[in-house]
Amino acid sequence: MKKLLVSSALFVVSMAAHAAGDYKPFFAFDVTSEKDEKHSDLARDYIGANVTVGIKGPHKIEYSIKTGASQKDKEGVQTVSNNIELKIKKSYQLTDNITPYAAIRLGEKIRYNGNNFAHYSIEGGVKFQLMDNLAFDTGLRYRDALNNNNFQKAFERSPTYDDTLTKAYNYESIRLHGMLLFDLDKANTIGLRYSQSKADDYEEERKSWRLHYQHNY
């Protein structure tokens, strides 16, 4: 899976570098702060950064590849984990001010201990154009591991602190987000996003803030 994702990533980056005509490349950078919500006595703080390179094509379809890394605070059990993710997004111009969209993603979490696992997500949302240079984006994302056995192996927990937390650990979550987007000019956009995830597992149930920057070529 990792070789396929890396090959696809190189293909998307190559297309973005040589995009012309109806295909327009873009670049985005995000910084995220997250915190576990359940079991507050075990809550961990996370900080992460992501870089996205993509292409906007005809019929309002986008193709992109995102790479990122996240790290728990000093008290976290794990240290750094990396992620690579392919995304295809389709938007629909409902009116001049309302643009619904749908997206699918396929990715791989690359663990520091070598226990990696693949995951997928399905997302839907709506972008509302509030002013010429101001928009609000809201949406819902469903995410899960392709194989939860690999996921559980990647995040094995010691039973010493709570035996109940070693059971039925899975990656499945549903996330709701709201985001304000401000166009600095025709090419540059900044944004602030708040999101909240609901999940059976406490480490996947989080609240998050994200700072966003995007440049469109």
N, C-alpha and C. Protein backbone atom coordinates (compact mmCIF):
# COMPACT_ATOMS: atom_id res chain seq x y z
N MET A 1 0.83 -1.20 0.00
CA MET A 1 0.00 0.00 0.00
C MET A 1 0.87 1.26 0.00
N LYS A 2 1.96 1.24 0.79
CA LYS A 2 2.81 2.42 0.88
C LYS A 2 3.45 2.73 -0.47
N LYS A 3 3.90 1.69 -1.20
CA LYS A 3 4.52 1.92 -2.51
C LYS A 3 3.52 2.52 -3.49
N LEU A 4 2.27 2.03 -3.43
CA LEU A 4 1.23 2.56 -4.30
C LEU A 4 0.96 4.03 -4.00
N LEU A 5 0.88 4.39 -2.71
CA LEU A 5 0.62 5.77 -2.33
C LEU A 5 1.77 6.68 -2.71
N VAL A 6 3.01 6.22 -2.52
CA VAL A 6 4.17 7.03 -2.88
C VAL A 6 4.23 7.25 -4.38
N SER A 7 3.95 6.18 -5.16
CA SER A 7 3.94 6.32 -6.62
C SER A 7 2.85 7.29 -7.06
N SER A 8 1.68 7.19 -6.45
CA SER A 8 0.58 8.10 -6.79
C SER A 8 0.93 9.52 -6.40
N ALA A 9 1.60 9.68 -5.27
CA ALA A 9 2.00 11.01 -4.82
C ALA A 9 2.96 11.65 -5.81
N LEU A 10 3.94 10.88 -6.29
CA LEU A 10 4.89 11.40 -7.28
C LEU A 10 4.17 11.78 -8.57
N PHE A 11 3.17 10.99 -8.94
CA PHE A 11 2.39 11.28 -10.14
C PHE A 11 1.62 12.60 -10.00
N VAL A 12 0.96 12.79 -8.84
CA VAL A 12 0.19 14.02 -8.61
C VAL A 12 1.12 15.23 -8.59
N VAL A 13 2.28 15.11 -7.91
CA VAL A 13 3.23 16.22 -7.85
C VAL A 13 3.76 16.55 -9.24
N SER A 14 4.03 15.51 -10.04
CA SER A 14 4.51 15.73 -11.40
C SER A 14 3.47 16.45 -12.24
N MET A 15 2.19 16.02 -12.11
CA MET A 15 1.11 16.67 -12.85
C MET A 15 0.97 18.14 -12.43
N ALA A 16 1.09 18.38 -11.11
CA ALA A 16 0.97 19.75 -10.61
C ALA A 16 2.08 20.63 -11.16
N ALA A 17 3.29 20.07 -11.27
CA ALA A 17 4.43 20.85 -11.75
C ALA A 17 4.30 21.21 -13.23
N HIS A 18 3.59 20.34 -13.98
CA HIS A 18 3.46 20.57 -15.42
C HIS A 18 2.03 20.94 -15.82
N ALA A 19 1.21 21.31 -14.85
CA ALA A 19 -0.18 21.61 -15.14
C ALA A 19 -0.30 22.84 -16.03
N ALA A 20 -1.25 22.75 -16.98
CA ALA A 20 -1.47 23.87 -17.89
C ALA A 20 -2.91 23.80 -18.38
N GLY A 21 -3.36 24.89 -19.01
CA GLY A 21 -4.70 24.89 -19.57
C GLY A 21 -5.76 24.84 -18.49
N ASP A 22 -6.63 23.83 -18.57
CA ASP A 22 -7.73 23.71 -17.61
C ASP A 22 -7.29 23.16 -16.25
N TYR A 23 -6.04 22.75 -16.13
CA TYR A 23 -5.54 22.18 -14.87
C TYR A 23 -4.67 23.21 -14.15
N LYS A 24 -5.07 23.56 -12.91
CA LYS A 24 -4.38 24.59 -12.14
C LYS A 24 -3.84 23.98 -10.85
N PRO A 25 -2.52 24.06 -10.62
CA PRO A 25 -1.95 23.51 -9.39
C PRO A 25 -2.21 24.41 -8.18
N PHE A 26 -2.18 23.78 -7.00
CA PHE A 26 -2.28 24.55 -5.75
C PHE A 26 -1.42 23.90 -4.68
N PHE A 27 -1.11 24.68 -3.68
CA PHE A 27 -0.28 24.24 -2.56
C PHE A 27 -0.94 24.71 -1.26
N ALA A 28 -0.96 23.86 -0.24
CA ALA A 28 -1.56 24.23 1.05
C ALA A 28 -0.68 23.77 2.19
N PHE A 29 -0.71 24.54 3.29
CA PHE A 29 0.02 24.19 4.51
C PHE A 29 -0.91 24.40 5.71
N ASP A 30 -0.96 23.39 6.61
CA ASP A 30 -1.82 23.44 7.78
C ASP A 30 -1.03 23.13 9.04
N VAL A 31 -1.38 23.80 10.13
CA VAL A 31 -0.86 23.48 11.46
C VAL A 31 -2.06 23.20 12.37
N THR A 32 -2.01 22.08 13.08
CA THR A 32 -3.17 21.62 13.85
C THR A 32 -2.80 21.37 15.31
N SER A 33 -3.72 21.72 16.20
CA SER A 33 -3.61 21.38 17.62
C SER A 33 -4.85 20.58 18.00
N GLU A 34 -4.63 19.38 18.59
CA GLU A 34 -5.74 18.49 18.95
C GLU A 34 -5.61 18.02 20.39
N LYS A 35 -6.74 17.53 20.93
CA LYS A 35 -6.73 16.95 22.26
C LYS A 35 -7.79 15.86 22.36
N ASP A 36 -7.42 14.72 23.01
CA ASP A 36 -8.40 13.68 23.29
C ASP A 36 -9.50 14.22 24.17
N GLU A 37 -10.72 13.72 23.98
CA GLU A 37 -11.85 14.23 24.74
C GLU A 37 -12.34 13.28 25.82
N LYS A 38 -12.36 11.99 25.56
CA LYS A 38 -12.83 11.04 26.57
C LYS A 38 -11.69 10.67 27.50
N HIS A 39 -12.04 10.18 28.69
CA HIS A 39 -11.03 9.77 29.68
C HIS A 39 -10.06 10.92 29.91
N SER A 40 -10.57 12.03 30.44
CA SER A 40 -9.77 13.24 30.56
C SER A 40 -8.48 13.03 31.36
N ASP A 41 -8.47 12.04 32.25
CA ASP A 41 -7.26 11.80 33.03
C ASP A 41 -6.15 11.21 32.17
N LEU A 42 -6.52 10.68 30.97
CA LEU A 42 -5.53 10.13 30.06
C LEU A 42 -5.37 11.00 28.82
N ALA A 43 -6.00 12.17 28.81
CA ALA A 43 -6.01 13.01 27.62
C ALA A 43 -4.60 13.42 27.22
N ARG A 44 -4.37 13.46 25.93
CA ARG A 44 -3.08 13.85 25.39
C ARG A 44 -3.26 15.04 24.46
N ASP A 45 -2.28 15.91 24.44
CA ASP A 45 -2.27 17.00 23.48
C ASP A 45 -1.44 16.59 22.27
N TYR A 46 -1.89 16.99 21.08
CA TYR A 46 -1.18 16.68 19.85
C TYR A 46 -0.91 17.98 19.11
N ILE A 47 0.17 17.99 18.34
CA ILE A 47 0.41 19.07 17.39
C ILE A 47 0.82 18.41 16.09
N GLY A 48 0.33 18.93 14.97
CA GLY A 48 0.62 18.32 13.69
C GLY A 48 0.78 19.37 12.60
N ALA A 49 1.43 18.99 11.52
CA ALA A 49 1.60 19.85 10.35
C ALA A 49 1.40 19.03 9.10
N ASN A 50 0.74 19.62 8.10
CA ASN A 50 0.46 18.93 6.84
C ASN A 50 0.81 19.82 5.66
N VAL A 51 1.32 19.20 4.60
CA VAL A 51 1.57 19.87 3.33
C VAL A 51 0.77 19.16 2.25
N THR A 52 0.02 19.93 1.46
CA THR A 52 -0.81 19.36 0.39
C THR A 52 -0.42 19.97 -0.94
N VAL A 53 -0.25 19.11 -1.95
CA VAL A 53 0.00 19.55 -3.32
C VAL A 53 -1.08 18.93 -4.19
N GLY A 54 -1.71 19.74 -5.04
CA GLY A 54 -2.80 19.21 -5.84
C GLY A 54 -3.04 19.96 -7.13
N ILE A 55 -4.07 19.50 -7.84
CA ILE A 55 -4.45 20.07 -9.12
C ILE A 55 -5.96 20.26 -9.14
N LYS A 56 -6.41 21.43 -9.60
CA LYS A 56 -7.82 21.68 -9.84
C LYS A 56 -8.07 21.49 -11.33
N GLY A 57 -8.94 20.52 -11.66
CA GLY A 57 -9.19 20.20 -13.05
C GLY A 57 -10.56 20.63 -13.53
N PRO A 58 -10.91 20.24 -14.76
CA PRO A 58 -12.24 20.57 -15.30
C PRO A 58 -13.35 19.94 -14.46
N HIS A 59 -14.55 20.50 -14.59
CA HIS A 59 -15.75 19.98 -13.92
C HIS A 59 -15.63 20.03 -12.40
N LYS A 60 -14.81 20.97 -11.91
CA LYS A 60 -14.67 21.19 -10.46
C LYS A 60 -14.20 19.94 -9.72
N ILE A 61 -13.26 19.21 -10.30
CA ILE A 61 -12.66 18.04 -9.66
C ILE A 61 -11.24 18.37 -9.25
N GLU A 62 -10.88 18.01 -8.02
CA GLU A 62 -9.52 18.24 -7.50
C GLU A 62 -8.86 16.90 -7.20
N TYR A 63 -7.55 16.83 -7.48
CA TYR A 63 -6.73 15.67 -7.15
C TYR A 63 -5.58 16.18 -6.29
N SER A 64 -5.35 15.55 -5.14
CA SER A 64 -4.30 16.07 -4.27
C SER A 64 -3.64 14.95 -3.47
N ILE A 65 -2.45 15.26 -2.99
CA ILE A 65 -1.71 14.36 -2.10
C ILE A 65 -1.30 15.17 -0.87
N LYS A 66 -1.55 14.62 0.31
CA LYS A 66 -1.20 15.30 1.57
C LYS A 66 -0.23 14.45 2.36
N THR A 67 0.83 15.07 2.85
CA THR A 67 1.76 14.41 3.76
C THR A 67 1.82 15.21 5.05
N GLY A 68 1.97 14.51 6.16
CA GLY A 68 1.99 15.22 7.43
C GLY A 68 2.61 14.41 8.54
N ALA A 69 2.80 15.07 9.66
CA ALA A 69 3.36 14.43 10.85
C ALA A 69 2.65 14.98 12.07
N SER A 70 2.49 14.14 13.10
CA SER A 70 1.89 14.59 14.36
C SER A 70 2.69 14.01 15.52
N GLN A 71 2.64 14.71 16.64
CA GLN A 71 3.40 14.30 17.81
C GLN A 71 2.59 14.57 19.07
N LYS A 72 2.61 13.61 19.99
CA LYS A 72 1.97 13.82 21.28
C LYS A 72 2.86 14.68 22.17
N ASP A 73 2.27 15.14 23.26
CA ASP A 73 3.07 15.88 24.23
C ASP A 73 4.06 14.93 24.91
N LYS A 74 4.87 15.48 25.80
CA LYS A 74 5.95 14.69 26.40
C LYS A 74 5.44 13.51 27.22
N GLU A 75 4.18 13.57 27.67
CA GLU A 75 3.64 12.48 28.47
C GLU A 75 2.98 11.40 27.61
N GLY A 76 2.94 11.59 26.29
CA GLY A 76 2.29 10.64 25.40
C GLY A 76 3.02 9.31 25.37
N VAL A 77 2.29 8.24 25.09
CA VAL A 77 2.89 6.91 25.01
C VAL A 77 3.68 6.78 23.71
N GLN A 78 3.12 7.26 22.58
CA GLN A 78 3.81 7.23 21.30
C GLN A 78 4.52 8.56 21.07
N THR A 79 5.41 8.55 20.07
CA THR A 79 6.11 9.80 19.74
C THR A 79 5.56 10.34 18.42
N VAL A 80 6.35 10.29 17.36
CA VAL A 80 5.96 10.88 16.09
C VAL A 80 5.34 9.83 15.17
N SER A 81 4.26 10.20 14.48
CA SER A 81 3.70 9.36 13.43
C SER A 81 3.50 10.21 12.18
N ASN A 82 3.67 9.59 11.02
CA ASN A 82 3.54 10.28 9.74
C ASN A 82 2.34 9.74 8.99
N ASN A 83 1.85 10.53 8.04
CA ASN A 83 0.68 10.13 7.27
C ASN A 83 0.83 10.60 5.84
N ILE A 84 0.39 9.77 4.89
CA ILE A 84 0.32 10.16 3.49
C ILE A 84 -1.08 9.82 2.99
N GLU A 85 -1.70 10.72 2.24
CA GLU A 85 -3.10 10.56 1.90
C GLU A 85 -3.40 11.11 0.52
N LEU A 86 -4.06 10.30 -0.31
CA LEU A 86 -4.55 10.74 -1.62
C LEU A 86 -6.01 11.14 -1.50
N LYS A 87 -6.40 12.18 -2.25
CA LYS A 87 -7.77 12.69 -2.16
C LYS A 87 -8.30 13.08 -3.54
N ILE A 88 -9.56 12.73 -3.79
CA ILE A 88 -10.28 13.21 -4.97
C ILE A 88 -11.54 13.90 -4.47
N LYS A 89 -11.72 15.15 -4.92
CA LYS A 89 -12.83 15.97 -4.45
C LYS A 89 -13.62 16.51 -5.64
N LYS A 90 -14.95 16.42 -5.55
CA LYS A 90 -15.84 16.93 -6.59
C LYS A 90 -16.76 17.98 -5.99
N SER A 91 -16.77 19.18 -6.57
CA SER A 91 -17.64 20.26 -6.11
C SER A 91 -18.78 20.50 -7.10
N TYR A 92 -19.88 21.03 -6.60
CA TYR A 92 -21.06 21.30 -7.42
C TYR A 92 -21.50 22.75 -7.18
N GLN A 93 -21.57 23.55 -8.23
CA GLN A 93 -21.97 24.95 -8.09
C GLN A 93 -23.49 25.03 -8.06
N LEU A 94 -24.07 24.97 -6.85
CA LEU A 94 -25.52 24.99 -6.71
C LEU A 94 -26.08 26.36 -7.03
N THR A 95 -25.49 27.40 -6.42
CA THR A 95 -25.80 28.80 -6.73
C THR A 95 -24.49 29.58 -6.72
N ASP A 96 -24.56 30.88 -6.91
CA ASP A 96 -23.34 31.69 -6.86
C ASP A 96 -22.69 31.66 -5.49
N ASN A 97 -23.47 31.40 -4.44
CA ASN A 97 -22.95 31.47 -3.07
C ASN A 97 -22.93 30.12 -2.34
N ILE A 98 -23.44 29.06 -2.94
CA ILE A 98 -23.53 27.77 -2.26
C ILE A 98 -22.89 26.70 -3.15
N THR A 99 -21.86 26.03 -2.60
CA THR A 99 -21.13 25.00 -3.35
C THR A 99 -21.00 23.73 -2.51
N PRO A 100 -21.88 22.74 -2.71
CA PRO A 100 -21.71 21.44 -2.03
C PRO A 100 -20.51 20.69 -2.64
N TYR A 101 -19.95 19.76 -1.86
CA TYR A 101 -18.84 18.96 -2.37
C TYR A 101 -18.83 17.58 -1.71
N ALA A 102 -18.15 16.64 -2.36
CA ALA A 102 -17.96 15.30 -1.83
C ALA A 102 -16.52 14.89 -2.11
N ALA A 103 -15.94 14.09 -1.23
CA ALA A 103 -14.54 13.69 -1.39
C ALA A 103 -14.33 12.28 -0.85
N ILE A 104 -13.38 11.58 -1.46
CA ILE A 104 -12.92 10.29 -0.95
C ILE A 104 -11.41 10.37 -0.74
N ARG A 105 -10.92 9.65 0.27
CA ARG A 105 -9.49 9.66 0.57
C ARG A 105 -9.01 8.24 0.85
N LEU A 106 -7.75 7.99 0.50
CA LEU A 106 -7.08 6.74 0.82
C LEU A 106 -5.70 7.07 1.33
N GLY A 107 -5.35 6.56 2.50
CA GLY A 107 -4.07 6.94 3.09
C GLY A 107 -3.41 5.82 3.86
N GLU A 108 -2.23 6.12 4.37
CA GLU A 108 -1.50 5.17 5.21
C GLU A 108 -0.85 5.92 6.36
N LYS A 109 -1.04 5.42 7.56
CA LYS A 109 -0.40 5.95 8.77
C LYS A 109 0.93 5.20 8.93
N ILE A 110 2.02 5.97 9.00
CA ILE A 110 3.35 5.39 9.07
C ILE A 110 3.87 5.59 10.48
N ARG A 111 3.95 4.49 11.23
CA ARG A 111 4.30 4.56 12.65
C ARG A 111 5.80 4.49 12.87
N TYR A 112 6.27 5.10 13.93
CA TYR A 112 7.68 5.09 14.27
C TYR A 112 8.18 3.68 14.57
N ASN A 113 7.27 2.78 15.01
CA ASN A 113 7.67 1.41 15.35
C ASN A 113 7.55 0.44 14.17
N GLY A 114 7.21 0.95 12.97
CA GLY A 114 7.12 0.10 11.80
C GLY A 114 5.79 -0.59 11.59
N ASN A 115 4.87 -0.46 12.54
CA ASN A 115 3.54 -1.06 12.41
C ASN A 115 2.60 -0.06 11.72
N ASN A 116 2.58 -0.10 10.40
CA ASN A 116 1.77 0.84 9.62
C ASN A 116 0.40 0.25 9.32
N PHE A 117 -0.56 1.11 8.94
CA PHE A 117 -1.87 0.62 8.55
C PHE A 117 -2.50 1.59 7.56
N ALA A 118 -3.33 1.05 6.66
CA ALA A 118 -4.01 1.85 5.65
C ALA A 118 -5.38 2.27 6.16
N HIS A 119 -5.88 3.40 5.66
CA HIS A 119 -7.20 3.89 6.08
C HIS A 119 -7.87 4.61 4.92
N TYR A 120 -9.17 4.81 5.05
CA TYR A 120 -9.94 5.52 4.03
C TYR A 120 -10.92 6.46 4.71
N SER A 121 -11.45 7.41 3.95
CA SER A 121 -12.47 8.31 4.50
C SER A 121 -13.39 8.79 3.37
N ILE A 122 -14.60 9.13 3.76
CA ILE A 122 -15.61 9.70 2.87
C ILE A 122 -16.09 11.00 3.50
N GLU A 123 -16.15 12.06 2.70
CA GLU A 123 -16.47 13.37 3.25
C GLU A 123 -17.48 14.11 2.37
N GLY A 124 -18.36 14.85 3.02
CA GLY A 124 -19.30 15.70 2.31
C GLY A 124 -19.46 17.02 3.04
N GLY A 125 -19.70 18.08 2.29
CA GLY A 125 -19.84 19.38 2.94
C GLY A 125 -20.40 20.44 2.00
N VAL A 126 -20.47 21.66 2.51
CA VAL A 126 -20.98 22.80 1.75
C VAL A 126 -20.12 24.02 2.06
N LYS A 127 -19.78 24.75 1.00
CA LYS A 127 -19.06 26.02 1.16
C LYS A 127 -20.02 27.16 0.84
N PHE A 128 -20.15 28.09 1.80
CA PHE A 128 -21.03 29.25 1.64
C PHE A 128 -20.18 30.50 1.41
N GLN A 129 -20.39 31.18 0.32
CA GLN A 129 -19.67 32.42 0.03
C GLN A 129 -20.42 33.57 0.71
N LEU A 130 -19.84 34.09 1.81
CA LEU A 130 -20.51 35.12 2.59
C LEU A 130 -20.29 36.52 2.02
N MET A 131 -19.08 36.75 1.52
CA MET A 131 -18.71 38.02 0.89
C MET A 131 -17.77 37.69 -0.26
N ASP A 132 -17.31 38.71 -0.97
CA ASP A 132 -16.40 38.47 -2.09
C ASP A 132 -15.14 37.74 -1.65
N ASN A 133 -14.65 38.07 -0.45
CA ASN A 133 -13.39 37.48 0.01
C ASN A 133 -13.54 36.66 1.30
N LEU A 134 -14.77 36.32 1.69
CA LEU A 134 -15.00 35.59 2.93
C LEU A 134 -15.99 34.44 2.69
N ALA A 135 -15.63 33.23 3.18
CA ALA A 135 -16.49 32.06 2.99
C ALA A 135 -16.50 31.23 4.27
N PHE A 136 -17.56 30.43 4.41
CA PHE A 136 -17.67 29.50 5.53
C PHE A 136 -17.88 28.10 4.97
N ASP A 137 -17.07 27.15 5.44
CA ASP A 137 -17.11 25.77 4.98
C ASP A 137 -17.48 24.86 6.14
N THR A 138 -18.46 23.99 5.95
CA THR A 138 -18.83 23.03 6.99
C THR A 138 -19.05 21.67 6.35
N GLY A 139 -18.71 20.60 7.08
CA GLY A 139 -18.84 19.27 6.50
C GLY A 139 -18.70 18.17 7.52
N LEU A 140 -18.93 16.94 7.03
CA LEU A 140 -18.90 15.73 7.86
C LEU A 140 -17.98 14.72 7.20
N ARG A 141 -17.12 14.08 7.99
CA ARG A 141 -16.21 13.06 7.47
C ARG A 141 -16.35 11.76 8.24
N TYR A 142 -16.42 10.64 7.51
CA TYR A 142 -16.37 9.30 8.11
C TYR A 142 -15.04 8.68 7.76
N ARG A 143 -14.33 8.12 8.77
CA ARG A 143 -13.02 7.53 8.54
C ARG A 143 -12.88 6.21 9.28
N ASP A 144 -12.17 5.25 8.66
CA ASP A 144 -11.92 3.97 9.32
C ASP A 144 -10.67 3.35 8.71
N ALA A 145 -10.10 2.38 9.40
CA ALA A 145 -8.96 1.62 8.88
C ALA A 145 -9.46 0.58 7.89
N LEU A 146 -8.65 0.30 6.87
CA LEU A 146 -9.02 -0.76 5.93
C LEU A 146 -8.96 -2.12 6.60
N ASN A 147 -8.06 -2.27 7.55
CA ASN A 147 -7.92 -3.51 8.30
C ASN A 147 -7.66 -3.14 9.76
N ASN A 148 -8.67 -3.30 10.61
CA ASN A 148 -8.52 -2.90 12.01
C ASN A 148 -7.56 -3.79 12.79
N ASN A 149 -7.29 -5.00 12.29
CA ASN A 149 -6.28 -5.84 12.95
C ASN A 149 -4.91 -5.18 12.84
N ASN A 150 -4.60 -4.63 11.65
CA ASN A 150 -3.32 -3.92 11.48
C ASN A 150 -3.29 -2.66 12.33
N PHE A 151 -4.43 -1.99 12.44
CA PHE A 151 -4.50 -0.79 13.26
C PHE A 151 -4.25 -1.10 14.72
N GLN A 152 -4.87 -2.17 15.22
CA GLN A 152 -4.69 -2.54 16.63
C GLN A 152 -3.24 -2.93 16.90
N LYS A 153 -2.62 -3.59 15.93
CA LYS A 153 -1.22 -3.98 16.09
C LYS A 153 -0.32 -2.74 16.15
N ALA A 154 -0.67 -1.72 15.35
CA ALA A 154 0.14 -0.50 15.32
C ALA A 154 0.05 0.28 16.62
N PHE A 155 -1.09 0.17 17.33
CA PHE A 155 -1.31 0.95 18.55
C PHE A 155 -1.55 0.04 19.76
N GLU A 156 -0.75 -1.00 19.87
CA GLU A 156 -0.90 -1.88 21.02
C GLU A 156 -0.71 -1.09 22.31
N ARG A 157 -1.59 -1.36 23.28
CA ARG A 157 -1.52 -0.65 24.55
C ARG A 157 -1.16 -1.61 25.67
N SER A 158 -0.45 -1.07 26.62
CA SER A 158 -0.15 -1.86 27.81
C SER A 158 -1.40 -1.96 28.67
N PRO A 159 -1.74 -3.18 29.19
CA PRO A 159 -2.93 -3.31 30.03
C PRO A 159 -2.73 -2.86 31.46
N THR A 160 -1.56 -2.30 31.78
CA THR A 160 -1.25 -2.00 33.17
C THR A 160 -2.09 -0.86 33.74
N TYR A 161 -2.47 0.13 32.89
CA TYR A 161 -3.16 1.28 33.44
C TYR A 161 -4.68 1.16 33.35
N ASP A 162 -5.19 0.40 32.40
CA ASP A 162 -6.63 0.21 32.31
C ASP A 162 -6.93 -0.94 31.36
N ASP A 163 -7.32 -2.11 31.90
CA ASP A 163 -7.55 -3.29 31.08
C ASP A 163 -8.66 -3.08 30.06
N THR A 164 -9.62 -2.20 30.36
CA THR A 164 -10.76 -2.03 29.46
C THR A 164 -10.36 -1.33 28.17
N LEU A 165 -9.25 -0.58 28.20
CA LEU A 165 -8.85 0.18 27.02
C LEU A 165 -8.14 -0.67 25.97
N THR A 166 -7.81 -1.94 26.30
CA THR A 166 -7.15 -2.80 25.33
C THR A 166 -8.17 -3.52 24.45
N LYS A 167 -9.45 -3.34 24.69
CA LYS A 167 -10.49 -4.06 23.97
C LYS A 167 -11.08 -3.20 22.85
N ALA A 168 -11.33 -3.84 21.71
CA ALA A 168 -12.09 -3.22 20.61
C ALA A 168 -11.56 -1.84 20.22
N TYR A 169 -10.25 -1.73 20.17
CA TYR A 169 -9.64 -0.46 19.76
C TYR A 169 -9.73 -0.36 18.24
N ASN A 170 -10.40 0.65 17.72
CA ASN A 170 -10.51 0.80 16.27
C ASN A 170 -10.38 2.25 15.87
N TYR A 171 -10.19 2.46 14.57
CA TYR A 171 -9.88 3.78 14.03
C TYR A 171 -11.12 4.54 13.57
N GLU A 172 -12.28 3.92 13.64
CA GLU A 172 -13.51 4.50 13.11
C GLU A 172 -13.88 5.79 13.86
N SER A 173 -14.22 6.83 13.09
CA SER A 173 -14.64 8.09 13.71
C SER A 173 -15.49 8.88 12.72
N ILE A 174 -16.30 9.79 13.27
CA ILE A 174 -17.08 10.73 12.48
C ILE A 174 -16.71 12.13 12.95
N ARG A 175 -16.33 12.98 11.99
CA ARG A 175 -15.85 14.33 12.35
C ARG A 175 -16.71 15.40 11.70
N LEU A 176 -17.09 16.39 12.50
CA LEU A 176 -17.82 17.57 12.01
C LEU A 176 -16.90 18.77 12.09
N HIS A 177 -16.87 19.59 11.03
CA HIS A 177 -15.99 20.75 11.05
C HIS A 177 -16.71 22.01 10.57
N GLY A 178 -16.20 23.16 11.01
CA GLY A 178 -16.62 24.46 10.53
C GLY A 178 -15.37 25.30 10.31
N MET A 179 -15.30 26.02 9.17
CA MET A 179 -14.08 26.72 8.82
C MET A 179 -14.38 28.06 8.15
N LEU A 180 -13.72 29.11 8.62
CA LEU A 180 -13.78 30.42 7.98
C LEU A 180 -12.59 30.57 7.03
N LEU A 181 -12.85 31.01 5.81
CA LEU A 181 -11.82 31.19 4.80
C LEU A 181 -11.80 32.64 4.33
N PHE A 182 -10.62 33.25 4.33
CA PHE A 182 -10.48 34.65 3.92
C PHE A 182 -9.47 34.74 2.79
N ASP A 183 -9.90 35.30 1.65
CA ASP A 183 -9.02 35.47 0.49
C ASP A 183 -8.20 36.74 0.65
N LEU A 184 -6.89 36.58 0.77
CA LEU A 184 -6.00 37.74 0.82
C LEU A 184 -5.96 38.44 -0.53
N ASP A 185 -5.97 37.63 -1.59
CA ASP A 185 -6.06 38.10 -2.97
C ASP A 185 -6.55 36.92 -3.81
N LYS A 186 -6.43 37.01 -5.13
CA LYS A 186 -6.94 35.95 -5.99
C LYS A 186 -6.16 34.65 -5.86
N ALA A 187 -4.93 34.72 -5.35
CA ALA A 187 -4.08 33.54 -5.30
C ALA A 187 -3.89 32.97 -3.90
N ASN A 188 -4.11 33.76 -2.86
CA ASN A 188 -3.76 33.34 -1.50
C ASN A 188 -4.96 33.39 -0.56
N THR A 189 -5.13 32.31 0.20
CA THR A 189 -6.24 32.18 1.14
C THR A 189 -5.73 31.70 2.49
N ILE A 190 -6.27 32.28 3.57
CA ILE A 190 -5.98 31.79 4.91
C ILE A 190 -7.30 31.34 5.55
N GLY A 191 -7.19 30.45 6.55
CA GLY A 191 -8.41 29.95 7.18
C GLY A 191 -8.19 29.49 8.60
N LEU A 192 -9.27 29.39 9.34
CA LEU A 192 -9.27 28.87 10.70
C LEU A 192 -10.40 27.86 10.82
N ARG A 193 -10.06 26.62 11.22
CA ARG A 193 -11.06 25.55 11.29
C ARG A 193 -11.14 24.97 12.69
N TYR A 194 -12.38 24.71 13.13
CA TYR A 194 -12.63 23.97 14.37
C TYR A 194 -13.33 22.67 13.99
N SER A 195 -12.91 21.57 14.58
CA SER A 195 -13.56 20.28 14.30
C SER A 195 -13.68 19.46 15.57
N GLN A 196 -14.65 18.57 15.57
CA GLN A 196 -14.87 17.67 16.70
C GLN A 196 -15.19 16.29 16.17
N SER A 197 -14.47 15.29 16.66
CA SER A 197 -14.64 13.91 16.22
C SER A 197 -15.33 13.08 17.29
N LYS A 198 -16.23 12.20 16.86
CA LYS A 198 -16.90 11.26 17.75
C LYS A 198 -16.44 9.85 17.38
N ALA A 199 -16.09 9.07 18.39
CA ALA A 199 -15.57 7.72 18.15
C ALA A 199 -15.78 6.85 19.38
N ASP A 200 -15.71 5.54 19.17
CA ASP A 200 -15.80 4.60 20.30
C ASP A 200 -14.51 4.62 21.11
N ASP A 201 -13.40 4.88 20.45
CA ASP A 201 -12.12 4.87 21.13
C ASP A 201 -11.72 6.27 21.56
N TYR A 202 -11.24 6.41 22.80
CA TYR A 202 -11.00 7.75 23.35
C TYR A 202 -9.92 8.50 22.58
N GLU A 203 -8.92 7.81 21.99
CA GLU A 203 -7.85 8.51 21.30
C GLU A 203 -8.30 9.08 19.96
N GLU A 204 -9.41 8.59 19.43
CA GLU A 204 -9.92 9.11 18.16
C GLU A 204 -11.06 10.10 18.35
N GLU A 205 -11.47 10.32 19.59
CA GLU A 205 -12.50 11.31 19.88
C GLU A 205 -11.80 12.59 20.33
N ARG A 206 -11.74 13.57 19.42
CA ARG A 206 -10.90 14.74 19.66
C ARG A 206 -11.62 16.04 19.31
N LYS A 207 -11.09 17.12 19.87
CA LYS A 207 -11.42 18.47 19.45
C LYS A 207 -10.16 19.10 18.88
N SER A 208 -10.31 19.88 17.80
CA SER A 208 -9.14 20.32 17.06
C SER A 208 -9.32 21.73 16.53
N TRP A 209 -8.21 22.49 16.52
CA TRP A 209 -8.12 23.78 15.84
C TRP A 209 -7.05 23.68 14.77
N ARG A 210 -7.31 24.28 13.59
CA ARG A 210 -6.37 24.22 12.48
C ARG A 210 -6.22 25.59 11.82
N LEU A 211 -4.96 26.02 11.63
CA LEU A 211 -4.63 27.19 10.83
C LEU A 211 -4.27 26.73 9.42
N HIS A 212 -4.82 27.41 8.43
CA HIS A 212 -4.70 26.95 7.04
C HIS A 212 -4.20 28.07 6.14
N TYR A 213 -3.31 27.70 5.19
CA TYR A 213 -2.89 28.63 4.15
C TYR A 213 -2.88 27.88 2.82
N GLN A 214 -3.38 28.52 1.76
CA GLN A 214 -3.38 27.91 0.43
C GLN A 214 -2.99 28.93 -0.62
N HIS A 215 -2.15 28.46 -1.54
CA HIS A 215 -1.76 29.29 -2.69
C HIS A 215 -2.20 28.61 -3.97
N ASN A 216 -2.94 29.32 -4.80
CA ASN A 216 -3.41 28.81 -6.08
C ASN A 216 -2.61 29.45 -7.21
N TYR A 217 -2.05 28.61 -8.07
CA TYR A 217 -1.21 29.12 -9.17
C TYR A 217 -2.08 29.45 -10.40
